Each structure stands twice: as C-alpha cells, then as structure tokens.
N, C-alpha and C. Protein backbone atom coordinates (compact mmCIF):
# COMPACT_ATOMS: atom_id res chain seq x y z
N MET A 1 57.82 -64.09 -2.35
CA MET A 1 57.45 -65.30 -3.01
C MET A 1 58.37 -65.54 -4.20
N SER A 2 58.43 -64.58 -5.13
CA SER A 2 59.35 -64.75 -6.24
C SER A 2 59.60 -63.42 -6.94
N ILE A 3 60.74 -63.37 -7.58
CA ILE A 3 61.10 -62.22 -8.40
C ILE A 3 61.56 -62.77 -9.74
N GLN A 4 60.96 -62.25 -10.81
CA GLN A 4 61.32 -62.73 -12.15
C GLN A 4 61.86 -61.58 -12.98
N LYS A 5 62.89 -61.88 -13.77
CA LYS A 5 63.47 -60.90 -14.68
C LYS A 5 62.72 -61.01 -16.01
N ARG A 6 62.20 -59.89 -16.50
CA ARG A 6 61.41 -59.89 -17.74
C ARG A 6 61.92 -58.83 -18.69
N ARG A 7 61.78 -59.12 -19.98
CA ARG A 7 62.04 -58.14 -21.04
C ARG A 7 60.80 -58.05 -21.90
N TRP A 8 60.36 -56.84 -22.23
CA TRP A 8 59.15 -56.66 -23.03
C TRP A 8 59.47 -56.25 -24.46
N GLY A 9 60.69 -56.30 -24.84
CA GLY A 9 61.09 -55.97 -26.21
C GLY A 9 62.52 -56.44 -26.45
N ALA A 10 62.90 -56.51 -27.69
CA ALA A 10 64.23 -57.02 -28.03
C ALA A 10 65.34 -56.13 -27.48
N ASN A 11 65.18 -54.84 -27.54
CA ASN A 11 66.22 -53.91 -27.09
C ASN A 11 65.85 -53.17 -25.80
N SER A 12 64.86 -53.64 -25.09
CA SER A 12 64.42 -52.94 -23.88
C SER A 12 65.25 -53.36 -22.67
N LYS A 13 65.26 -52.50 -21.66
CA LYS A 13 65.94 -52.83 -20.40
C LYS A 13 65.12 -53.87 -19.65
N PRO A 14 65.79 -54.71 -18.87
CA PRO A 14 65.01 -55.71 -18.12
C PRO A 14 64.20 -55.05 -16.99
N ARG A 15 63.07 -55.66 -16.68
CA ARG A 15 62.23 -55.26 -15.56
C ARG A 15 62.16 -56.45 -14.61
N TYR A 16 61.98 -56.18 -13.33
CA TYR A 16 61.90 -57.22 -12.32
C TYR A 16 60.49 -57.20 -11.73
N VAL A 17 59.81 -58.32 -11.84
CA VAL A 17 58.44 -58.43 -11.35
C VAL A 17 58.48 -59.23 -10.05
N ALA A 18 58.06 -58.59 -8.96
CA ALA A 18 58.02 -59.24 -7.65
C ALA A 18 56.59 -59.65 -7.36
N ARG A 19 56.42 -60.88 -6.86
CA ARG A 19 55.09 -61.39 -6.52
C ARG A 19 55.10 -61.92 -5.10
N VAL A 20 54.05 -61.58 -4.35
CA VAL A 20 53.88 -62.11 -3.00
C VAL A 20 52.42 -62.49 -2.82
N ARG A 21 52.17 -63.42 -1.90
CA ARG A 21 50.81 -63.82 -1.56
C ARG A 21 50.51 -63.29 -0.16
N VAL A 22 49.47 -62.46 -0.06
CA VAL A 22 49.08 -61.86 1.21
C VAL A 22 47.60 -62.11 1.44
N GLY A 23 47.30 -62.83 2.52
CA GLY A 23 45.91 -63.06 2.87
C GLY A 23 45.13 -63.81 1.82
N GLY A 24 45.76 -64.71 1.09
CA GLY A 24 45.07 -65.50 0.09
C GLY A 24 45.02 -64.87 -1.29
N SER A 25 45.48 -63.64 -1.43
CA SER A 25 45.50 -63.02 -2.75
C SER A 25 46.93 -62.67 -3.13
N GLN A 26 47.19 -62.65 -4.41
CA GLN A 26 48.54 -62.39 -4.89
C GLN A 26 48.68 -60.93 -5.28
N ARG A 27 49.80 -60.35 -4.94
CA ARG A 27 50.13 -58.97 -5.33
C ARG A 27 51.40 -59.01 -6.14
N SER A 28 51.49 -58.15 -7.14
CA SER A 28 52.72 -58.08 -7.91
C SER A 28 53.00 -56.63 -8.28
N LYS A 29 54.27 -56.36 -8.52
CA LYS A 29 54.69 -55.02 -8.87
C LYS A 29 55.97 -55.12 -9.69
N SER A 30 56.14 -54.22 -10.65
CA SER A 30 57.29 -54.24 -11.54
C SER A 30 58.28 -53.14 -11.15
N PHE A 31 59.58 -53.48 -11.22
CA PHE A 31 60.63 -52.53 -10.83
C PHE A 31 61.75 -52.52 -11.86
N GLY A 32 62.50 -51.43 -11.87
CA GLY A 32 63.62 -51.30 -12.79
C GLY A 32 64.89 -52.00 -12.32
N THR A 33 65.01 -52.21 -11.01
CA THR A 33 66.20 -52.88 -10.48
C THR A 33 65.80 -54.04 -9.57
N LEU A 34 66.70 -55.00 -9.47
CA LEU A 34 66.46 -56.16 -8.62
C LEU A 34 66.37 -55.75 -7.15
N ARG A 35 67.20 -54.81 -6.75
CA ARG A 35 67.21 -54.36 -5.35
C ARG A 35 65.87 -53.76 -4.93
N GLU A 36 65.28 -52.93 -5.81
CA GLU A 36 63.97 -52.35 -5.51
C GLU A 36 62.91 -53.44 -5.36
N ALA A 37 62.98 -54.44 -6.22
CA ALA A 37 62.02 -55.55 -6.16
C ALA A 37 62.18 -56.33 -4.85
N GLN A 38 63.42 -56.59 -4.46
CA GLN A 38 63.68 -57.32 -3.21
C GLN A 38 63.19 -56.52 -2.00
N ASP A 39 63.44 -55.22 -2.00
CA ASP A 39 62.99 -54.37 -0.89
C ASP A 39 61.47 -54.38 -0.77
N TRP A 40 60.79 -54.26 -1.90
CA TRP A 40 59.33 -54.27 -1.89
C TRP A 40 58.80 -55.62 -1.40
N GLU A 41 59.42 -56.69 -1.87
CA GLU A 41 58.98 -58.03 -1.47
C GLU A 41 59.12 -58.22 0.04
N ARG A 42 60.24 -57.78 0.61
CA ARG A 42 60.45 -57.87 2.06
C ARG A 42 59.43 -57.03 2.83
N SER A 43 59.08 -55.87 2.28
CA SER A 43 58.13 -55.00 2.98
C SER A 43 56.72 -55.57 3.00
N GLN A 44 56.41 -56.47 2.08
CA GLN A 44 55.07 -57.03 2.00
C GLN A 44 54.83 -58.14 3.01
N TYR A 45 55.87 -58.84 3.43
CA TYR A 45 55.69 -59.91 4.40
C TYR A 45 55.30 -59.33 5.75
N GLY A 46 54.40 -59.96 6.44
CA GLY A 46 53.91 -59.48 7.73
C GLY A 46 52.71 -58.56 7.59
N ARG A 47 52.23 -58.36 6.37
CA ARG A 47 51.07 -57.51 6.16
C ARG A 47 49.79 -58.34 6.18
N LYS A 48 48.75 -57.69 6.58
CA LYS A 48 47.42 -58.30 6.53
C LYS A 48 46.80 -57.93 5.19
N PRO A 49 45.71 -58.57 4.82
CA PRO A 49 45.07 -58.23 3.55
C PRO A 49 44.69 -56.76 3.43
N SER A 50 44.47 -56.06 4.54
CA SER A 50 44.12 -54.65 4.49
C SER A 50 45.31 -53.79 4.07
N GLY A 51 46.51 -54.36 4.12
CA GLY A 51 47.70 -53.62 3.73
C GLY A 51 48.39 -52.92 4.88
N ARG A 52 47.87 -53.05 6.10
CA ARG A 52 48.51 -52.41 7.24
C ARG A 52 49.35 -53.43 7.99
N ARG A 53 50.51 -53.02 8.42
CA ARG A 53 51.37 -53.91 9.19
C ARG A 53 50.85 -53.99 10.61
N THR A 54 50.83 -55.21 11.16
CA THR A 54 50.37 -55.36 12.54
C THR A 54 51.52 -55.55 13.50
N ASP A 55 52.66 -56.02 13.00
CA ASP A 55 53.75 -56.31 13.93
C ASP A 55 54.41 -55.05 14.47
N ASN A 56 54.09 -53.86 13.93
CA ASN A 56 54.65 -52.62 14.45
C ASN A 56 53.74 -51.96 15.48
N LYS A 57 52.54 -52.51 15.68
CA LYS A 57 51.61 -51.96 16.67
C LYS A 57 52.06 -52.35 18.08
N LEU A 58 51.75 -51.49 19.03
CA LEU A 58 51.94 -51.86 20.43
C LEU A 58 50.92 -52.93 20.76
N MET A 59 51.31 -53.87 21.60
CA MET A 59 50.43 -54.97 21.96
C MET A 59 49.12 -54.45 22.55
N SER A 60 49.19 -53.41 23.39
CA SER A 60 47.96 -52.88 23.99
C SER A 60 47.01 -52.34 22.93
N ASN A 61 47.54 -51.65 21.92
CA ASN A 61 46.69 -51.12 20.85
C ASN A 61 46.10 -52.23 20.00
N ALA A 62 46.89 -53.26 19.73
CA ALA A 62 46.39 -54.39 18.93
C ALA A 62 45.26 -55.09 19.66
N VAL A 63 45.42 -55.35 20.95
CA VAL A 63 44.40 -56.05 21.72
C VAL A 63 43.15 -55.18 21.86
N LYS A 64 43.32 -53.87 22.03
CA LYS A 64 42.16 -52.98 22.11
C LYS A 64 41.37 -53.00 20.81
N SER A 65 42.05 -53.06 19.67
CA SER A 65 41.33 -53.12 18.40
C SER A 65 40.61 -54.46 18.25
N TRP A 66 41.19 -55.56 18.77
CA TRP A 66 40.48 -56.85 18.77
C TRP A 66 39.25 -56.76 19.65
N GLN A 67 39.38 -56.06 20.78
CA GLN A 67 38.28 -55.95 21.72
C GLN A 67 37.11 -55.19 21.08
N GLU A 68 37.42 -54.14 20.34
CA GLU A 68 36.37 -53.35 19.71
C GLU A 68 35.62 -54.15 18.65
N GLN A 69 36.27 -55.12 18.04
CA GLN A 69 35.64 -55.93 16.99
C GLN A 69 34.79 -57.05 17.57
N ALA A 70 34.98 -57.39 18.83
CA ALA A 70 34.30 -58.53 19.45
C ALA A 70 33.00 -58.11 20.12
N THR A 71 32.14 -59.10 20.30
CA THR A 71 30.88 -58.86 21.00
C THR A 71 30.68 -59.95 22.06
N GLY A 72 29.80 -59.68 22.99
CA GLY A 72 29.44 -60.68 23.99
C GLY A 72 30.59 -61.10 24.88
N SER A 73 30.65 -62.41 25.15
CA SER A 73 31.67 -62.93 26.07
C SER A 73 33.07 -62.81 25.50
N THR A 74 33.20 -62.84 24.17
CA THR A 74 34.51 -62.66 23.55
C THR A 74 35.05 -61.27 23.85
N GLY A 75 34.20 -60.27 23.75
CA GLY A 75 34.59 -58.90 24.07
C GLY A 75 35.00 -58.76 25.52
N ALA A 76 34.29 -59.44 26.40
CA ALA A 76 34.61 -59.38 27.83
C ALA A 76 35.96 -60.02 28.11
N SER A 77 36.25 -61.16 27.47
CA SER A 77 37.53 -61.82 27.71
C SER A 77 38.68 -61.00 27.12
N ARG A 78 38.42 -60.32 26.01
CA ARG A 78 39.48 -59.47 25.45
C ARG A 78 39.71 -58.24 26.30
N LYS A 79 38.65 -57.72 26.92
CA LYS A 79 38.81 -56.60 27.85
C LYS A 79 39.66 -57.05 29.03
N HIS A 80 39.41 -58.26 29.50
CA HIS A 80 40.18 -58.85 30.60
C HIS A 80 41.66 -58.96 30.21
N LEU A 81 41.91 -59.32 28.95
CA LEU A 81 43.28 -59.42 28.44
C LEU A 81 43.95 -58.05 28.43
N VAL A 82 43.23 -57.03 27.95
CA VAL A 82 43.80 -55.67 27.90
C VAL A 82 44.23 -55.22 29.29
N GLU A 83 43.41 -55.52 30.29
CA GLU A 83 43.70 -55.09 31.66
C GLU A 83 44.87 -55.84 32.28
N ASN A 84 45.24 -57.00 31.72
CA ASN A 84 46.26 -57.84 32.34
C ASN A 84 47.47 -58.09 31.46
N LEU A 85 47.76 -57.22 30.51
CA LEU A 85 48.93 -57.40 29.66
C LEU A 85 50.24 -57.15 30.41
N GLY A 86 50.20 -56.33 31.41
CA GLY A 86 51.41 -56.06 32.19
C GLY A 86 52.51 -55.44 31.33
N ASP A 87 53.72 -55.99 31.39
CA ASP A 87 54.85 -55.44 30.64
C ASP A 87 54.70 -55.60 29.13
N LEU A 88 53.88 -56.54 28.68
CA LEU A 88 53.69 -56.75 27.24
C LEU A 88 52.96 -55.59 26.58
N SER A 89 52.20 -54.81 27.34
CA SER A 89 51.39 -53.75 26.75
C SER A 89 52.24 -52.69 26.05
N ASP A 90 53.47 -52.49 26.48
CA ASP A 90 54.33 -51.48 25.88
C ASP A 90 55.28 -52.05 24.83
N MET A 91 55.12 -53.32 24.49
CA MET A 91 55.97 -53.95 23.48
C MET A 91 55.24 -54.00 22.14
N LYS A 92 56.00 -53.97 21.04
CA LYS A 92 55.42 -54.15 19.72
C LYS A 92 55.09 -55.62 19.52
N VAL A 93 54.02 -55.89 18.79
CA VAL A 93 53.58 -57.27 18.56
C VAL A 93 54.71 -58.10 17.96
N GLY A 94 55.45 -57.53 17.03
CA GLY A 94 56.53 -58.26 16.37
C GLY A 94 57.74 -58.50 17.24
N ASP A 95 57.83 -57.79 18.37
CA ASP A 95 58.99 -57.93 19.25
C ASP A 95 58.75 -58.92 20.40
N VAL A 96 57.53 -59.40 20.55
CA VAL A 96 57.21 -60.32 21.65
C VAL A 96 57.85 -61.67 21.36
N THR A 97 58.62 -62.17 22.31
CA THR A 97 59.30 -63.45 22.15
C THR A 97 58.71 -64.48 23.12
N THR A 98 59.13 -65.71 22.94
CA THR A 98 58.70 -66.79 23.82
C THR A 98 59.06 -66.49 25.27
N ASP A 99 60.26 -65.99 25.49
CA ASP A 99 60.69 -65.67 26.85
C ASP A 99 59.83 -64.58 27.49
N ASP A 100 59.41 -63.60 26.68
CA ASP A 100 58.52 -62.55 27.20
C ASP A 100 57.19 -63.13 27.67
N VAL A 101 56.63 -64.03 26.86
CA VAL A 101 55.35 -64.64 27.22
C VAL A 101 55.50 -65.53 28.45
N ARG A 102 56.62 -66.26 28.54
CA ARG A 102 56.85 -67.10 29.72
C ARG A 102 56.96 -66.26 30.99
N ALA A 103 57.67 -65.14 30.90
CA ALA A 103 57.81 -64.25 32.06
C ALA A 103 56.45 -63.67 32.44
N TRP A 104 55.66 -63.31 31.46
CA TRP A 104 54.32 -62.75 31.70
C TRP A 104 53.43 -63.80 32.38
N ARG A 105 53.48 -65.05 31.87
CA ARG A 105 52.71 -66.14 32.48
C ARG A 105 53.09 -66.32 33.95
N LYS A 106 54.39 -66.23 34.22
CA LYS A 106 54.87 -66.40 35.58
C LYS A 106 54.31 -65.31 36.50
N VAL A 107 54.31 -64.06 36.01
CA VAL A 107 53.78 -62.95 36.79
C VAL A 107 52.28 -63.14 37.03
N LEU A 108 51.56 -63.62 36.01
CA LEU A 108 50.12 -63.85 36.19
C LEU A 108 49.85 -64.92 37.25
N GLY A 109 50.72 -65.94 37.31
CA GLY A 109 50.53 -67.03 38.25
C GLY A 109 51.00 -66.74 39.66
N GLU A 110 52.02 -65.90 39.78
CA GLU A 110 52.59 -65.61 41.11
C GLU A 110 51.98 -64.39 41.77
N GLY A 111 51.41 -63.52 40.98
CA GLY A 111 50.80 -62.31 41.56
C GLY A 111 51.04 -61.12 40.66
N ARG A 112 49.97 -60.45 40.29
CA ARG A 112 50.04 -59.32 39.37
C ARG A 112 50.23 -58.02 40.16
N PRO A 113 51.35 -57.31 39.94
CA PRO A 113 51.59 -56.07 40.68
C PRO A 113 50.52 -55.01 40.42
N TRP A 114 49.93 -55.00 39.24
CA TRP A 114 48.93 -54.00 38.89
C TRP A 114 47.55 -54.35 39.46
N ALA A 115 47.42 -55.53 40.09
CA ALA A 115 46.14 -55.96 40.68
C ALA A 115 46.33 -56.35 42.14
N GLU A 116 47.10 -55.55 42.87
CA GLU A 116 47.35 -55.76 44.30
C GLU A 116 47.93 -57.15 44.60
N GLY A 117 48.72 -57.67 43.71
CA GLY A 117 49.41 -58.94 43.94
C GLY A 117 48.54 -60.18 43.80
N LYS A 118 47.32 -60.05 43.29
CA LYS A 118 46.44 -61.22 43.13
C LYS A 118 46.90 -62.05 41.95
N ALA A 119 46.91 -63.36 42.15
CA ALA A 119 47.33 -64.29 41.09
C ALA A 119 46.12 -64.91 40.41
N PHE A 120 46.33 -65.37 39.18
CA PHE A 120 45.30 -66.10 38.44
C PHE A 120 45.45 -67.59 38.68
N LYS A 121 44.37 -68.32 38.50
CA LYS A 121 44.42 -69.78 38.51
C LYS A 121 44.95 -70.23 37.16
N PRO A 122 45.51 -71.45 37.07
CA PRO A 122 46.08 -71.93 35.81
C PRO A 122 45.12 -71.89 34.62
N SER A 123 43.85 -72.19 34.83
CA SER A 123 42.90 -72.17 33.72
C SER A 123 42.69 -70.74 33.20
N THR A 124 42.67 -69.77 34.09
CA THR A 124 42.52 -68.37 33.68
C THR A 124 43.75 -67.90 32.94
N ILE A 125 44.92 -68.31 33.41
CA ILE A 125 46.17 -67.93 32.73
C ILE A 125 46.14 -68.45 31.30
N SER A 126 45.73 -69.70 31.12
CA SER A 126 45.67 -70.30 29.79
C SER A 126 44.71 -69.52 28.89
N THR A 127 43.57 -69.13 29.42
CA THR A 127 42.57 -68.38 28.66
C THR A 127 43.10 -67.01 28.25
N VAL A 128 43.84 -66.36 29.13
CA VAL A 128 44.36 -65.02 28.86
C VAL A 128 45.54 -65.08 27.89
N VAL A 129 46.39 -66.07 28.03
CA VAL A 129 47.62 -66.12 27.25
C VAL A 129 47.40 -66.59 25.80
N THR A 130 46.43 -67.45 25.57
CA THR A 130 46.22 -68.04 24.24
C THR A 130 46.10 -67.01 23.12
N PRO A 131 45.30 -65.94 23.23
CA PRO A 131 45.22 -64.98 22.13
C PRO A 131 46.55 -64.30 21.82
N VAL A 132 47.37 -64.07 22.83
CA VAL A 132 48.67 -63.44 22.60
C VAL A 132 49.58 -64.37 21.82
N CYS A 133 49.54 -65.65 22.15
CA CYS A 133 50.37 -66.63 21.44
C CYS A 133 49.94 -66.75 19.99
N ARG A 134 48.66 -66.61 19.72
CA ARG A 134 48.17 -66.73 18.34
C ARG A 134 48.59 -65.56 17.47
N THR A 135 48.87 -64.40 18.06
CA THR A 135 49.25 -63.24 17.26
C THR A 135 50.61 -63.40 16.63
N SER A 136 51.47 -64.15 17.29
CA SER A 136 52.84 -64.32 16.80
C SER A 136 53.18 -65.79 16.72
N VAL A 137 52.37 -66.56 16.01
CA VAL A 137 52.54 -68.00 15.96
C VAL A 137 53.94 -68.37 15.47
N LYS A 138 54.40 -67.75 14.40
CA LYS A 138 55.72 -68.06 13.86
C LYS A 138 56.81 -67.71 14.86
N ARG A 139 56.63 -66.58 15.52
CA ARG A 139 57.66 -66.07 16.42
C ARG A 139 57.72 -66.89 17.71
N LEU A 140 56.57 -67.39 18.17
CA LEU A 140 56.53 -68.03 19.48
C LEU A 140 56.71 -69.54 19.43
N ARG A 141 56.75 -70.14 18.26
CA ARG A 141 56.92 -71.61 18.19
C ARG A 141 58.29 -71.98 17.70
C-alpha cells in the first residue's frame, strides 16, 4: 500500500514504515532499510486476515478445507468438486491460470478419465467450475 520514510529525532537514522490493508484491516511495520520494508510489503499481499497464505496451497487441500467448513448441500457440492478436480488437484491455487481452467472444463464436458469417461452436462460444469474461478478472481479475469 505505501512505504513512508520517517525520522523520530533530529540526529536519528531514518526508519521506513510499510503499511498494507489485509482483509479490511491495516497492518504496519517499521524497518531500518527501504529494501526490508519493500520485501515485507510484497510478502503481505495475497494473505488472508488469518495471516496464512492461500495461493501456496494445493488446490485439492484448499477445496477440502472449504468442504470441511460447509454444511448441508454446500458441503455436498464441495465434496463433488474435490472428487472432480482432475489435473487441477496437484496445482497450487496461485498457479492456476485461465488456460488451466478452460482445459479442465473441456475434460469435464468431453469425459472424465477418473470417472470411466462420463461427461458432465453444461449446468453441472458451471456449478463445479464457479468456486474455482472465485479463488483466483484476479488471476482468471
């Protein structure tokens, strides 16, 4: 978000205060060098309010954690998603690209090798693919 150079005394060395907004709250930290402040600022982007990075998780692990948090029909649809991730299951969330999702959609529509070649109907494909697209909105649009 921003890095500001500050001095707290007439003869003191400058300090660099880095500020970022994560999940609606602002975080800041003070550093002795500009480079340290820039590195910290870069490391904060992509974090959730809990402080854990999600883009380094495998897609299968991320979807399983969503499934555990859900109840009822939402949990059932997320379980369905976990079972049908195909090649995406071994990719990191941050590495999934538009082309990967398009290829996955194509496999779902033409026949899933992990489900004896059975294909999904277009409405089912849309239901399964939507949560994956939402995880990487910036990356996929």
